[in-house]
Protein backbone atom coordinates (compact mmCIF):
# COMPACT_ATOMS: atom_id res chain seq x y z
CA MET A 1 0.00 0.00 0.00
CA THR A 2 2.77 2.46 1.02
CA ALA A 3 4.93 1.60 -2.01
CA LYS A 4 2.03 2.10 -4.45
CA LEU A 5 1.15 5.42 -2.83
CA VAL A 6 4.74 6.64 -3.11
CA GLU A 7 4.96 5.45 -6.74
CA THR A 8 1.86 7.47 -7.58
CA ALA A 9 3.13 10.55 -5.75
CA LEU A 10 6.53 10.40 -7.48
CA GLY A 11 5.05 9.60 -10.89
CA ILE A 12 7.10 6.42 -11.24
CA ALA A 13 5.96 3.98 -13.95
CA GLU A 14 7.12 0.62 -15.28
CA PRO A 15 9.71 -0.71 -15.57
CA TRP A 16 10.62 1.28 -12.42
CA SER A 17 8.96 0.57 -9.07
CA VAL A 18 9.33 1.39 -5.38
CA VAL A 19 10.70 -1.62 -3.52
CA LEU A 20 11.26 -0.15 -0.04
CA VAL A 21 10.26 2.90 2.00
CA ALA A 22 12.29 3.39 5.21
CA PHE A 23 12.37 6.22 7.75
CA ASP A 24 15.37 6.58 10.07
CA GLU A 25 14.14 8.14 13.31
CA THR A 26 17.68 8.97 14.42
CA THR A 27 18.74 11.02 11.39
CA LYS A 28 15.14 11.99 10.46
CA VAL A 29 15.71 10.91 6.85
CA LEU A 30 13.19 9.16 4.60
CA THR A 31 14.80 6.78 2.08
CA ILE A 32 12.83 5.45 -0.89
CA SER A 33 14.46 2.57 -2.77
CA ILE A 34 13.64 2.35 -6.49
CA ASP A 35 14.51 -0.56 -8.79
CA PHE A 36 13.55 -1.88 -12.23
CA LEU A 37 11.92 -5.19 -13.08
CA PRO A 38 14.28 -8.10 -13.92
CA GLY A 39 14.71 -8.57 -17.68
CA SER A 40 13.73 -4.97 -18.51
CA ARG A 41 15.15 -3.33 -21.60
CA PHE A 42 15.72 0.40 -22.04
CA SER A 43 15.87 2.84 -24.92
CA VAL A 44 18.78 5.22 -25.48
CA SER A 45 18.51 8.62 -27.13
CA GLY A 46 19.98 8.50 -30.65
CA HIS A 47 19.76 4.72 -30.94
CA GLU A 48 16.81 2.73 -32.22
CA GLY A 49 15.13 -0.04 -30.25
CA VAL A 50 15.50 -1.17 -26.64
CA HIS A 51 18.66 -2.63 -25.20
CA PRO A 52 19.60 -5.06 -22.39
CA VAL A 53 21.15 -4.02 -19.09
CA HIS A 54 24.96 -4.24 -18.99
CA ASP A 55 25.61 -3.42 -15.31
CA THR A 56 24.16 -1.38 -12.46
CA VAL A 57 25.27 0.91 -9.64
CA SER A 58 23.34 2.36 -6.72
CA LYS A 59 22.85 6.15 -6.79
CA THR A 60 21.24 8.43 -4.22
CA TYR A 61 19.29 11.55 -5.18
CA ARG A 62 18.18 14.30 -2.82
CA HIS A 63 14.43 14.92 -3.29
CA LEU A 64 11.93 17.41 -1.89
CA SER A 65 11.46 17.07 1.85
CA PHE A 66 8.85 14.73 3.31
CA PHE A 67 7.07 17.11 5.70
CA GLN A 68 10.04 18.53 7.68
CA HIS A 69 12.33 15.55 6.99
CA GLU A 70 14.94 15.03 4.30
CA CYS A 71 13.96 12.62 1.55
CA HIS A 72 16.40 10.59 -0.55
CA LEU A 73 15.72 8.38 -3.55
CA GLN A 74 18.05 5.36 -3.71
CA VAL A 75 18.01 4.16 -7.30
CA ARG A 76 19.69 1.21 -9.01
CA SER A 77 21.02 3.12 -12.01
CA LEU A 78 22.11 1.16 -15.03
CA ARG A 79 24.10 1.07 -18.22
CA VAL A 80 22.91 -0.69 -21.36
CA LYS A 81 24.93 -2.43 -24.06
CA LEU A 82 24.26 -1.30 -27.63
CA PRO A 83 24.48 -3.54 -30.73
CA ASN A 84 27.78 -1.92 -31.71
CA GLY A 85 29.30 -3.03 -28.41
CA SER A 86 29.40 0.38 -26.75
CA VAL A 87 27.93 1.00 -23.31
CA ARG A 88 25.63 3.93 -22.43
CA LEU A 89 24.35 5.23 -19.10
CA VAL A 90 20.57 5.42 -18.70
CA GLU A 91 19.43 8.01 -16.16
CA ALA A 92 16.04 7.84 -14.47
CA ASP A 93 13.48 10.39 -15.71
CA PHE A 94 13.54 12.21 -12.39
CA ALA A 95 17.36 12.57 -12.24
CA GLY A 96 18.53 16.18 -12.16
CA ARG A 97 21.15 17.97 -14.25
CA LEU A 98 23.62 17.91 -11.36
CA SER A 99 24.64 14.62 -9.81
CA GLY A 100 22.81 13.85 -6.57
CA PHE A 101 19.58 15.85 -7.01
CA THR A 102 16.19 15.21 -8.59
CA LEU A 103 14.64 17.59 -11.12
CA LEU A 104 12.03 18.75 -8.60
CA PHE A 105 14.70 19.56 -6.02
CA GLU A 106 16.71 21.55 -8.56
CA ALA A 107 13.58 23.42 -9.67
CA MET A 108 13.00 24.51 -6.08
CA ILE A 109 16.61 25.71 -5.77
CA LEU A 110 16.26 27.78 -8.95
CA MET A 111 13.00 29.32 -7.73
CA LEU A 112 14.49 30.28 -4.35
CA ALA A 113 17.76 31.56 -5.85
CA GLN A 114 15.81 34.16 -7.85
CA GLN A 115 14.50 35.65 -4.61
CA MET A 116 17.29 35.38 -2.01
CA PRO A 117 21.07 34.94 -1.50
CA PHE A 118 22.65 31.53 -2.05
CA ALA A 119 23.49 31.20 1.65
CA ALA A 120 19.81 31.64 2.56
CA VAL A 121 18.76 29.07 -0.05
CA ALA A 122 21.35 26.65 1.34
CA ARG A 123 19.95 27.00 4.86
CA ILE A 124 16.39 26.35 3.65
CA VAL A 125 17.17 23.24 1.57
CA GLY A 126 19.83 21.86 3.90
CA GLU A 127 22.68 21.79 1.39
CA SER A 128 25.95 23.71 1.17
CA ALA A 129 26.02 27.09 -0.59
CA HIS A 130 28.59 25.65 -3.02
CA ARG A 131 26.16 22.91 -4.10
CA VAL A 132 23.36 25.44 -4.50
CA MET A 133 25.58 27.65 -6.65
CA ALA A 134 26.68 24.63 -8.69
CA VAL A 135 23.04 23.85 -9.56
CA CYS A 136 22.36 27.45 -10.64
CA GLU A 137 25.62 27.65 -12.60
CA ARG A 138 24.81 24.42 -14.45
CA TYR A 139 21.32 25.58 -15.43
CA VAL A 140 22.49 29.03 -16.52
CA GLU A 141 25.24 27.44 -18.63
CA ILE A 142 22.80 25.07 -20.36
CA ALA A 143 20.08 27.71 -20.83
CA LEU A 144 22.54 30.22 -22.33
CA GLY A 145 23.73 27.54 -24.74
CA LEU A 146 20.13 27.02 -25.89
CA ALA A 147 19.25 30.75 -26.03
CA ASP A 148 18.17 32.18 -29.39
CA PHE A 149 18.95 35.86 -30.09
CA SER A 150 17.85 35.83 -33.73
CA ASP A 151 15.08 38.40 -33.14
CA VAL A 152 17.25 40.95 -31.29
CA LYS A 153 17.55 44.32 -33.05
CA ALA A 154 18.03 46.90 -30.28
CA LEU A 155 20.51 46.74 -27.41
CA ALA A 156 21.02 48.54 -24.11
CA ILE A 157 24.57 48.43 -22.75
CA ASP A 158 25.77 49.54 -19.32
CA GLU A 159 28.46 48.74 -16.76
CA THR A 160 28.31 48.04 -13.04
CA SER A 161 30.94 47.51 -10.36
CA ARG A 162 31.56 43.93 -9.24
CA ALA A 163 33.63 44.63 -6.10
CA CYS A 164 35.33 47.47 -4.25
CA GLY A 165 37.50 49.66 -6.44
CA HIS A 166 37.36 50.20 -10.17
CA ASP A 167 36.51 46.62 -11.09
CA TYR A 168 33.58 46.49 -13.51
CA VAL A 169 31.47 44.16 -15.60
CA THR A 170 29.53 45.11 -18.73
CA LEU A 171 25.92 44.07 -19.27
CA ALA A 172 24.10 43.98 -22.59
CA ALA A 173 20.33 43.54 -22.82
CA ASP A 174 17.60 43.29 -25.42
CA ALA A 175 16.11 46.79 -25.24
CA LEU A 176 12.67 45.64 -26.43
CA GLU A 177 12.26 42.41 -24.43
CA ARG A 178 14.22 43.82 -21.47
CA ARG A 179 16.24 40.67 -20.87
CA VAL A 180 19.97 40.46 -20.20
CA LEU A 181 21.79 38.73 -23.05
CA PHE A 182 25.47 39.04 -22.21
CA VAL A 183 27.74 39.67 -19.20
CA THR A 184 31.51 40.06 -19.37
CA GLU A 185 34.42 41.55 -17.43
CA GLY A 186 35.69 45.08 -18.06
CA ARG A 187 34.17 48.15 -19.68
CA ASP A 188 36.47 48.84 -22.62
CA ALA A 189 35.92 48.58 -26.37
CA GLY A 190 36.90 44.91 -26.24
CA THR A 191 33.69 44.11 -24.35
CA ILE A 192 31.65 45.21 -27.38
CA LYS A 193 33.77 42.95 -29.60
CA ALA A 194 33.05 40.02 -27.27
CA LEU A 195 29.36 40.94 -27.31
CA ALA A 196 29.26 40.93 -31.12
CA ALA A 197 30.88 37.47 -31.19
CA ASP A 198 28.39 36.14 -28.62
CA LEU A 199 25.43 37.52 -30.58
CA ALA A 200 26.69 35.80 -33.73
CA ASP A 201 27.02 32.50 -31.83
CA HIS A 202 23.34 32.76 -30.82
CA GLY A 203 21.91 33.51 -34.24
CA CYS A 204 22.10 37.31 -34.31
CA PRO A 205 24.62 38.73 -36.80
CA PRO A 206 26.07 42.06 -35.57
CA GLU A 207 24.77 43.76 -38.73
CA GLN A 208 21.22 43.06 -37.54
CA ILE A 209 21.53 45.47 -34.58
CA ASP A 210 20.09 48.82 -35.66
CA SER A 211 19.92 50.69 -32.35
CA VAL A 212 22.10 50.81 -29.21
CA SER A 213 21.63 52.90 -26.07
CA ILE A 214 24.79 53.51 -24.04
CA ASP A 215 26.24 56.10 -21.69
CA MET A 216 28.79 58.57 -23.00
CA SER A 217 31.77 56.29 -22.39
CA PRO A 218 34.37 56.80 -25.17
CA ALA A 219 35.22 53.08 -24.99
CA PHE A 220 31.60 52.04 -25.61
CA ILE A 221 31.22 54.57 -28.42
CA LYS A 222 34.36 53.26 -30.11
CA GLY A 223 33.35 49.61 -29.65
CA VAL A 224 29.84 50.12 -31.04
CA SER A 225 31.17 52.10 -34.01
CA GLU A 226 33.68 49.37 -34.87
CA GLU A 227 31.68 46.20 -34.17
CA LEU A 228 28.00 47.11 -34.65
CA HIS A 229 28.26 49.02 -37.92
CA ASN A 230 24.54 49.50 -38.56
CA ALA A 231 23.64 50.52 -35.01
CA ARG A 232 22.37 54.01 -34.30
CA ILE A 233 23.75 55.24 -30.98
CA THR A 234 21.31 56.81 -28.50
CA PHE A 235 22.29 58.67 -25.34
CA ASP A 236 19.14 58.64 -23.28
CA LYS A 237 17.69 61.74 -21.67
CA PHE A 238 18.34 60.53 -18.14
CA HIS A 239 22.11 60.33 -18.61
CA VAL A 240 22.16 63.87 -20.00
CA ILE A 241 20.01 65.26 -17.18
CA TRP A 242 22.23 63.45 -14.66
CA HIS A 243 25.23 65.42 -15.96
CA ALA A 244 23.23 68.66 -15.74
CA SER A 245 22.09 67.88 -12.17
CA THR A 246 25.69 67.17 -11.17
CA ALA A 247 26.69 70.57 -12.59
CA VAL A 248 23.93 72.31 -10.59
CA ASP A 249 25.11 70.66 -7.38
CA LYS A 250 28.73 71.53 -8.14
CA ARG A 251 27.75 75.19 -8.65
CA ARG A 252 25.77 75.16 -5.38
CA ARG A 253 28.73 73.76 -3.44
CA ILE A 254 30.97 76.52 -4.75
CA GLU A 255 28.49 79.34 -4.11
CA GLN A 256 27.32 78.23 -0.67
CA ARG A 257 30.75 79.12 0.70
CA THR A 258 29.74 82.77 0.45
CA ASP A 259 25.93 82.44 0.40
CA LYS A 260 24.82 80.41 3.43
CA SER A 261 21.15 80.45 2.27
CA LEU A 262 22.08 77.70 -0.25
CA LYS A 263 22.96 75.25 2.53
CA GLY A 264 20.48 72.37 2.80
CA MET A 265 18.99 72.99 -0.67
CA ARG A 266 20.70 70.14 -2.49
CA TRP A 267 17.69 67.85 -2.91
CA SER A 268 15.33 70.75 -3.58
CA GLN A 269 17.42 71.55 -6.66
CA LEU A 270 17.92 67.96 -7.81
CA LYS A 271 14.37 66.63 -7.43
CA ASP A 272 11.51 67.27 -9.82
CA ARG A 273 9.79 70.45 -8.58
CA SER A 274 6.34 68.82 -8.78
CA ARG A 275 7.44 66.24 -6.19
CA LEU A 276 8.74 68.72 -3.62
CA ALA A 277 7.02 69.42 -0.32
CA PRO A 278 5.34 72.88 -0.15
CA GLU A 279 8.10 74.29 2.07
CA ALA A 280 10.88 73.03 -0.22
CA ALA A 281 9.04 74.33 -3.31
CA ALA A 282 8.73 77.76 -1.68
CA ASP A 283 12.47 77.83 -0.92
CA LEU A 284 13.22 76.87 -4.53
CA ASP A 285 10.92 79.62 -5.86
CA ALA A 286 12.67 82.14 -3.63
CA LEU A 287 16.01 81.02 -5.06
CA ILE A 288 14.81 81.29 -8.66
CA ALA A 289 13.63 84.84 -7.98
CA ARG A 290 17.30 85.70 -7.32
CA MET A 291 18.52 84.31 -10.67
CA THR A 292 20.07 87.65 -11.67
CA THR A 293 22.47 87.53 -8.72
CA VAL A 294 22.76 83.81 -7.84
CA ARG A 295 24.43 81.62 -10.45
CA THR A 296 23.11 78.45 -8.83
CA ALA A 297 19.60 79.61 -9.73
CA ARG A 298 20.65 80.11 -13.36
CA ALA A 299 22.25 76.65 -13.41
CA TRP A 300 18.95 75.16 -12.19
CA LEU A 301 17.04 77.02 -14.93
CA TYR A 302 19.47 75.75 -17.59
CA LYS A 303 18.90 72.20 -16.33
CA GLU A 304 15.12 72.57 -16.52
CA GLN A 305 15.36 74.07 -20.02
CA LEU A 306 17.43 71.05 -21.09
CA ARG A 307 14.81 68.71 -19.61
CA GLU A 308 12.02 70.47 -21.54
CA ILE A 309 13.99 70.30 -24.80
CA LEU A 310 14.55 66.54 -24.43
CA ASP A 311 10.83 65.98 -23.82
CA ARG A 312 10.14 67.01 -27.43
CA LYS A 313 9.87 64.47 -30.24
CA GLN A 314 10.68 66.49 -33.38
CA ILE A 315 14.31 65.73 -34.27
CA ASN A 316 15.05 68.96 -36.14
CA VAL A 317 13.41 71.06 -33.44
CA VAL A 318 15.38 69.29 -30.71
CA ARG A 319 18.65 69.71 -32.61
CA GLY A 320 18.06 73.43 -33.14
CA MET A 321 17.01 74.04 -29.55
CA LEU A 322 20.00 72.13 -28.18
CA GLU A 323 22.40 74.14 -30.33
CA HIS A 324 20.80 77.38 -29.12
CA TRP A 325 20.88 76.15 -25.50
CA CYS A 326 24.60 75.39 -25.81
CA ILE A 327 25.31 78.89 -27.17
CA CYS A 328 23.44 80.52 -24.27
CA VAL A 329 25.19 78.42 -21.65
CA MET A 330 28.65 78.98 -23.13
CA ARG A 331 28.04 82.75 -23.03
CA SER A 332 27.00 82.61 -19.37
CA LYS A 333 29.24 82.64 -16.29
CA VAL A 334 27.93 79.35 -14.89
CA GLU A 335 31.18 77.41 -15.27
CA PRO A 336 30.10 73.83 -14.32
CA MET A 337 27.16 74.03 -16.74
CA LYS A 338 29.56 75.00 -19.54
CA GLU A 339 31.07 71.53 -19.21
CA VAL A 340 27.60 70.05 -19.83
CA ALA A 341 27.15 72.27 -22.90
CA ALA A 342 30.50 71.05 -24.27
CA LEU A 343 29.39 67.46 -23.57
CA VAL A 344 26.12 68.02 -25.44
CA ARG A 345 27.98 69.47 -28.42
CA ARG A 346 30.35 66.49 -28.59
CA HIS A 347 27.50 63.95 -28.42
CA LEU A 348 24.78 65.95 -30.18
CA LYS A 349 23.92 63.25 -32.73
CA GLY A 350 23.32 60.56 -30.12
CA ILE A 351 21.35 62.91 -27.84
CA VAL A 352 19.12 64.03 -30.71
CA ALA A 353 18.50 60.35 -31.54
CA TRP A 354 16.67 60.08 -28.19
CA ALA A 355 13.89 62.26 -29.63
CA GLN A 356 13.06 59.50 -32.10
CA THR A 357 14.09 56.20 -30.50
CA ARG A 358 13.12 57.00 -26.87
CA GLN A 359 15.45 54.11 -26.02
CA THR A 360 16.65 54.11 -22.43
CA ASN A 361 18.92 52.18 -20.07
CA GLY A 362 16.56 52.75 -17.15
CA PHE A 363 15.70 49.08 -16.69
CA LEU A 364 19.41 48.20 -16.64
CA GLU A 365 19.98 50.84 -13.95
CA ALA A 366 17.20 49.20 -11.91
CA LEU A 367 18.87 45.81 -12.40
CA ASN A 368 22.17 47.31 -11.27
CA GLY A 369 20.45 48.28 -8.03
CA LEU A 370 19.37 44.68 -7.43
CA PHE A 371 22.85 43.40 -8.31
CA GLN A 372 24.55 45.91 -6.01
CA ALA A 373 22.28 44.88 -3.13
CA ALA A 374 23.23 41.23 -3.71
CA LYS A 375 26.89 42.21 -3.98
CA ARG A 376 26.81 44.02 -0.63
CA ARG A 377 25.29 40.98 1.06
CA ALA A 378 28.02 38.78 -0.45
CA ARG A 379 30.84 41.31 0.27
CA GLY A 380 31.63 41.45 -3.46
CA PHE A 381 31.92 38.81 -6.19
CA ILE A 382 35.27 37.45 -7.35
CA ARG A 383 34.30 35.03 -10.13
CA LEU A 384 32.53 36.11 -13.31
CA ALA A 385 30.59 32.83 -13.18
CA THR A 386 29.10 33.89 -9.83
CA ILE A 387 28.05 37.25 -11.27
CA LYS A 388 26.30 35.47 -14.14
CA ILE A 389 24.33 33.14 -11.88
CA VAL A 390 23.18 36.17 -9.87
CA ILE A 391 22.11 38.26 -12.87
CA PHE A 392 20.71 35.76 -15.39
CA PRO A 393 18.11 34.02 -13.19
CA ILE A 394 16.52 37.36 -12.25
CA ALA A 395 16.94 39.31 -15.50
CA GLY A 396 17.92 36.92 -18.28
CA LYS A 397 14.44 35.45 -18.89
CA LEU A 398 16.18 32.14 -19.62
CA ASN A 399 14.03 29.17 -20.56
CA PHE A 400 14.79 26.79 -17.69
CA HIS A 401 11.55 24.96 -18.52
CA ALA A 402 13.23 23.49 -21.61
CA ILE A 403 15.83 21.91 -19.31
CA ASN A 404 13.61 21.04 -16.36
CA PRO A 405 9.84 20.57 -16.93
CA HIS A 406 9.17 21.50 -13.29
CA SER A 407 10.62 25.03 -13.76
CA PRO A 408 8.13 27.75 -14.78
CA GLN A 409 8.01 29.15 -18.29
CA PRO A 410 9.92 32.45 -18.79
CA THR A 411 7.76 35.58 -18.59
């Protein structure tokens, strides 16, 4: 009765059967012994017909817990002998991709690893963090090998720090599907060359990419120009406004040395005015009223003018307004903002492209926040493989279901 119930619960069918169910009260471990019927023959992928058993060996697989107790499947695994004399291993249908686990157990590890650190997953499932990471690394490796990038046409590329100091990794994502496609070390032009090679390996020739959004890194600009020849470069609005906001804050820091009324106004000047509290908005209005004498107020107005220009969608209008804005700023005495005007002039073509493509790296910046939080919990990541198994399960939209039928479909 117990064996039949367990067979039904595990989905085990002939020629396999449960021969023993034992619970050790000392170790609190449930062991289920599974064997095949004498004289059974088995099929092998890539070879026609069924074949006799050559030899067997006992293997133990960790399965989902039985209530609060560990559960292990003890299986008499086998090898079959083919007509050509070669010998092939036949794994049970429930055997996982990593030795020692069932598919259901691995599916649970993958699900938990998308939500919490590896150490926390290890504590929940009762395995070492190294084993948990090995499962995730194996699935990410297989899923990336099966990934198809043939429909990718627009990319978003950004970098993020992997540990303390200037140690970075570059991320590339499908800008339309918002899924990470590629992760590599460094942030130089060579990373774009590696990206182009990886795209080609997954069915996407570099010539197919027609749009790329990046920051204003000279290395990225050079790499995209050399490797993705048909790609139109876009510098999104938020990167440009970030530079302008930095210039406003720099001007405030300089001027507050002589004008103490500017102290404590940093966030009032950096936030969107519509989101300010009434008191902060009143302080900002009072500052703007002094624009003829306070250069910080003029810097803030230049930033808001730049924001309004980039909200427009007519390319020729945006280009003309940006050129006029640069002339006005360069004639002013707001020194930090002049650096922004020079930046806009150097990258005018890519900034104007934003008016048409509206392509942004915002979702990658959000992903960077999640990655940085995970990095802080782990005190930094040393191996690139570890970085991949952190990023891809949460942002790669990999099809683990094709590897393990118990994993959910990608969304």
